């Protein structure tokens, strides 16, 4: 056996034993915690929320309730369960935009009555809007242009994405894959 081979084996054993020793003293409680966090600012109510809504594969009921309340129909106060896939989409969107800023909410859940009223005033409001199912949200993200938010949401390809530069928001939803605006 050549000199280089013996040295390599000793180095390998030395580092291998060090790794085993460090694993043996690592506390069992020091598990990695996987969390998903969202921050919102509701522009109509002035309310804000910063919450961890998912920990180690489990959605947190208290956090989900707080999100549902913040994203309620601000016109009549009606609260509706927000689609968890929409929350995950928003968390991923913020991550891909490298932003910790609160998501500014223009419109979250809309009751059928509110949606009908808005649709009567504007062609841009769908009669069967996914807002009424808690599956859509209209947003801005401070520090990121609407173009950036729109582009990243399109790249994610996880649902519908609408671009409304005149109204200053991007629509994202968890419906079928489509785009407009």
Protein backbone atom coordinates (compact mmCIF):
# COMPACT_ATOMS: atom_id res chain seq x y z
CA UNK A 1 0.00 0.00 0.00
CA UNK A 2 1.40 3.38 -1.02
CA UNK A 3 1.91 6.26 1.35
CA UNK A 4 -0.89 8.39 -0.18
CA UNK A 5 -3.50 5.66 0.39
CA UNK A 6 -2.71 5.23 4.10
CA UNK A 7 -2.86 8.97 4.73
CA UNK A 8 -6.18 9.24 2.93
CA UNK A 9 -7.66 6.38 4.99
CA UNK A 10 -6.47 7.93 8.25
CA UNK A 11 -7.94 11.30 7.28
CA UNK A 12 -11.20 9.64 6.29
CA UNK A 13 -11.37 7.71 9.59
CA UNK A 14 -10.43 10.78 11.60
CA UNK A 15 -13.17 12.92 10.00
CA UNK A 16 -15.66 10.03 10.09
CA UNK A 17 -15.12 9.51 13.82
CA UNK A 18 -15.45 13.24 14.43
CA UNK A 19 -18.78 13.26 12.61
CA UNK A 20 -20.07 10.27 14.59
CA UNK A 21 -18.93 11.85 17.87
CA UNK A 22 -20.62 15.15 17.10
CA UNK A 23 -23.86 13.36 16.16
CA UNK A 24 -23.78 11.47 19.45
CA UNK A 25 -23.70 14.68 21.50
CA UNK A 26 -26.29 16.54 19.40
CA UNK A 27 -29.39 16.89 21.57
CA UNK A 28 -32.44 14.93 20.44
CA UNK A 29 -34.61 18.06 20.91
CA UNK A 30 -32.56 20.01 18.38
CA UNK A 31 -34.65 18.83 15.44
CA UNK A 32 -35.01 21.15 12.50
CA UNK A 33 -38.32 22.96 12.53
CA UNK A 34 -39.94 23.53 9.16
CA UNK A 35 -42.20 26.60 9.22
CA UNK A 36 -44.20 28.65 6.79
CA UNK A 37 -44.83 32.27 7.72
CA UNK A 38 -47.06 34.89 6.15
CA UNK A 39 -47.43 38.58 6.85
CA UNK A 40 -50.37 40.63 5.64
CA UNK A 41 -51.50 44.23 5.66
CA UNK A 42 -55.17 44.71 4.78
CA UNK A 43 -55.29 48.06 3.00
CA UNK A 44 -59.04 48.51 3.58
CA UNK A 45 -59.19 47.78 7.31
CA UNK A 46 -55.68 48.84 8.37
CA UNK A 47 -55.22 45.48 10.10
CA UNK A 48 -51.98 43.54 9.89
CA UNK A 49 -50.95 40.01 10.74
CA UNK A 50 -47.63 38.18 10.94
CA UNK A 51 -48.10 34.48 11.65
CA UNK A 52 -46.59 31.04 11.27
CA UNK A 53 -49.42 29.07 9.72
CA UNK A 54 -47.67 25.74 9.11
CA UNK A 55 -45.18 23.87 11.31
CA UNK A 56 -43.57 20.53 10.45
CA UNK A 57 -46.26 19.48 7.99
CA UNK A 58 -49.25 20.68 10.02
CA UNK A 59 -51.40 23.70 9.44
CA UNK A 60 -51.95 25.71 12.62
CA UNK A 61 -55.70 26.18 13.30
CA UNK A 62 -55.30 29.42 15.28
CA UNK A 63 -53.16 30.98 12.55
CA UNK A 64 -55.58 29.84 9.83
CA UNK A 65 -58.47 31.43 11.71
CA UNK A 66 -56.54 34.71 12.10
CA UNK A 67 -55.78 34.71 8.36
CA UNK A 68 -59.45 34.02 7.52
CA UNK A 69 -60.50 36.98 9.68
CA UNK A 70 -57.93 39.33 8.15
CA UNK A 71 -58.89 38.31 4.59
CA UNK A 72 -62.65 38.56 5.26
CA UNK A 73 -65.04 40.52 3.07
CA UNK A 74 -64.35 43.94 4.56
CA UNK A 75 -67.60 45.34 3.18
CA UNK A 76 -69.89 43.09 5.26
CA UNK A 77 -67.52 41.35 7.71
CA UNK A 78 -68.24 37.86 6.39
CA UNK A 79 -65.41 35.40 7.19
CA UNK A 80 -64.75 32.40 4.96
CA UNK A 81 -62.02 29.70 5.02
CA UNK A 82 -59.13 30.65 2.75
CA UNK A 83 -57.77 27.83 0.58
CA UNK A 84 -54.60 26.45 2.15
CA UNK A 85 -53.07 26.03 -1.31
CA UNK A 86 -53.48 29.78 -1.76
CA UNK A 87 -51.57 30.39 1.47
CA UNK A 88 -48.78 28.07 0.32
CA UNK A 89 -48.72 29.84 -3.06
CA UNK A 90 -48.34 33.21 -1.29
CA UNK A 91 -45.57 31.90 0.97
CA UNK A 92 -43.69 30.54 -2.06
CA UNK A 93 -44.25 33.77 -3.98
CA UNK A 94 -42.74 35.85 -1.15
CA UNK A 95 -39.78 33.47 -0.92
CA UNK A 96 -39.11 33.58 -4.65
CA UNK A 97 -39.31 37.37 -4.55
CA UNK A 98 -36.83 37.39 -1.64
CA UNK A 99 -39.22 39.53 0.36
CA UNK A 100 -40.11 39.59 4.04
CA UNK A 101 -42.46 42.56 3.54
CA UNK A 102 -46.11 42.07 4.43
CA UNK A 103 -48.36 41.23 1.51
CA UNK A 104 -50.65 44.18 0.90
CA UNK A 105 -54.19 42.88 0.45
CA UNK A 106 -56.50 44.69 -1.94
CA UNK A 107 -59.14 41.94 -1.99
CA UNK A 108 -59.26 38.55 -0.29
CA UNK A 109 -62.54 36.73 0.27
CA UNK A 110 -65.62 38.29 -1.32
CA UNK A 111 -69.14 37.27 -0.41
CA UNK A 112 -71.46 36.52 -3.35
CA UNK A 113 -73.35 39.76 -2.58
CA UNK A 114 -70.19 41.87 -2.67
CA UNK A 115 -68.97 40.14 -5.82
CA UNK A 116 -72.31 40.74 -7.58
CA UNK A 117 -72.22 44.40 -6.60
CA UNK A 118 -68.64 44.82 -7.89
CA UNK A 119 -69.44 42.90 -11.10
CA UNK A 120 -72.32 45.30 -11.77
CA UNK A 121 -69.82 48.21 -11.74
CA UNK A 122 -66.89 46.64 -13.57
CA UNK A 123 -66.22 44.24 -16.43
CA UNK A 124 -63.03 43.20 -14.61
CA UNK A 125 -64.93 41.29 -11.90
CA UNK A 126 -65.95 37.75 -12.86
CA UNK A 127 -69.47 36.69 -11.90
CA UNK A 128 -68.06 33.32 -10.76
CA UNK A 129 -64.95 34.76 -9.12
CA UNK A 130 -62.72 32.44 -7.10
CA UNK A 131 -62.64 35.18 -4.46
CA UNK A 132 -66.06 33.81 -3.39
CA UNK A 133 -64.47 30.41 -2.68
CA UNK A 134 -61.49 31.75 -0.74
CA UNK A 135 -59.23 30.69 -3.61
CA UNK A 136 -58.14 34.12 -4.90
CA UNK A 137 -56.46 37.27 -3.67
CA UNK A 138 -55.46 40.63 -5.16
CA UNK A 139 -52.12 41.85 -3.80
CA UNK A 140 -49.08 44.09 -3.92
CA UNK A 141 -45.72 43.38 -2.31
CA UNK A 142 -43.83 46.45 -1.08
CA UNK A 143 -40.35 46.76 -2.53
CA UNK A 144 -41.24 44.66 -5.57
CA UNK A 145 -42.71 46.02 -8.77
CA UNK A 146 -46.01 44.70 -10.06
CA UNK A 147 -44.08 43.36 -13.06
CA UNK A 148 -41.81 41.35 -10.74
CA UNK A 149 -44.74 39.93 -8.76
CA UNK A 150 -46.60 39.12 -11.99
CA UNK A 151 -43.58 37.45 -13.62
CA UNK A 152 -42.76 35.29 -10.60
CA UNK A 153 -46.41 34.28 -10.15
CA UNK A 154 -46.55 33.26 -13.82
CA UNK A 155 -43.30 31.29 -13.49
CA UNK A 156 -44.77 29.37 -10.55
CA UNK A 157 -47.61 28.12 -12.79
CA UNK A 158 -49.85 27.22 -9.86
CA UNK A 159 -53.15 28.82 -10.91
CA UNK A 160 -54.60 31.95 -12.42
CA UNK A 161 -52.60 35.17 -12.58
CA UNK A 162 -54.06 38.53 -13.55
CA UNK A 163 -52.11 41.73 -14.09
CA UNK A 164 -53.82 45.04 -13.26
CA UNK A 165 -51.22 47.82 -13.54
CA UNK A 166 -53.86 50.61 -13.69
CA UNK A 167 -55.42 49.39 -10.45
CA UNK A 168 -51.96 48.62 -8.98
CA UNK A 169 -52.34 44.93 -8.06
CA UNK A 170 -51.72 41.37 -9.17
CA UNK A 171 -54.41 38.71 -8.83
CA UNK A 172 -53.35 35.15 -7.95
CA UNK A 173 -55.60 32.15 -7.43
CA UNK A 174 -55.52 28.38 -7.09
CA UNK A 175 -57.91 27.68 -9.95
CA UNK A 176 -56.91 26.26 -13.30
CA UNK A 177 -53.75 27.58 -14.97
CA UNK A 178 -54.55 30.76 -16.92
CA UNK A 179 -53.37 34.34 -17.35
CA UNK A 180 -54.81 37.71 -18.30
CA UNK A 181 -54.08 41.41 -18.19
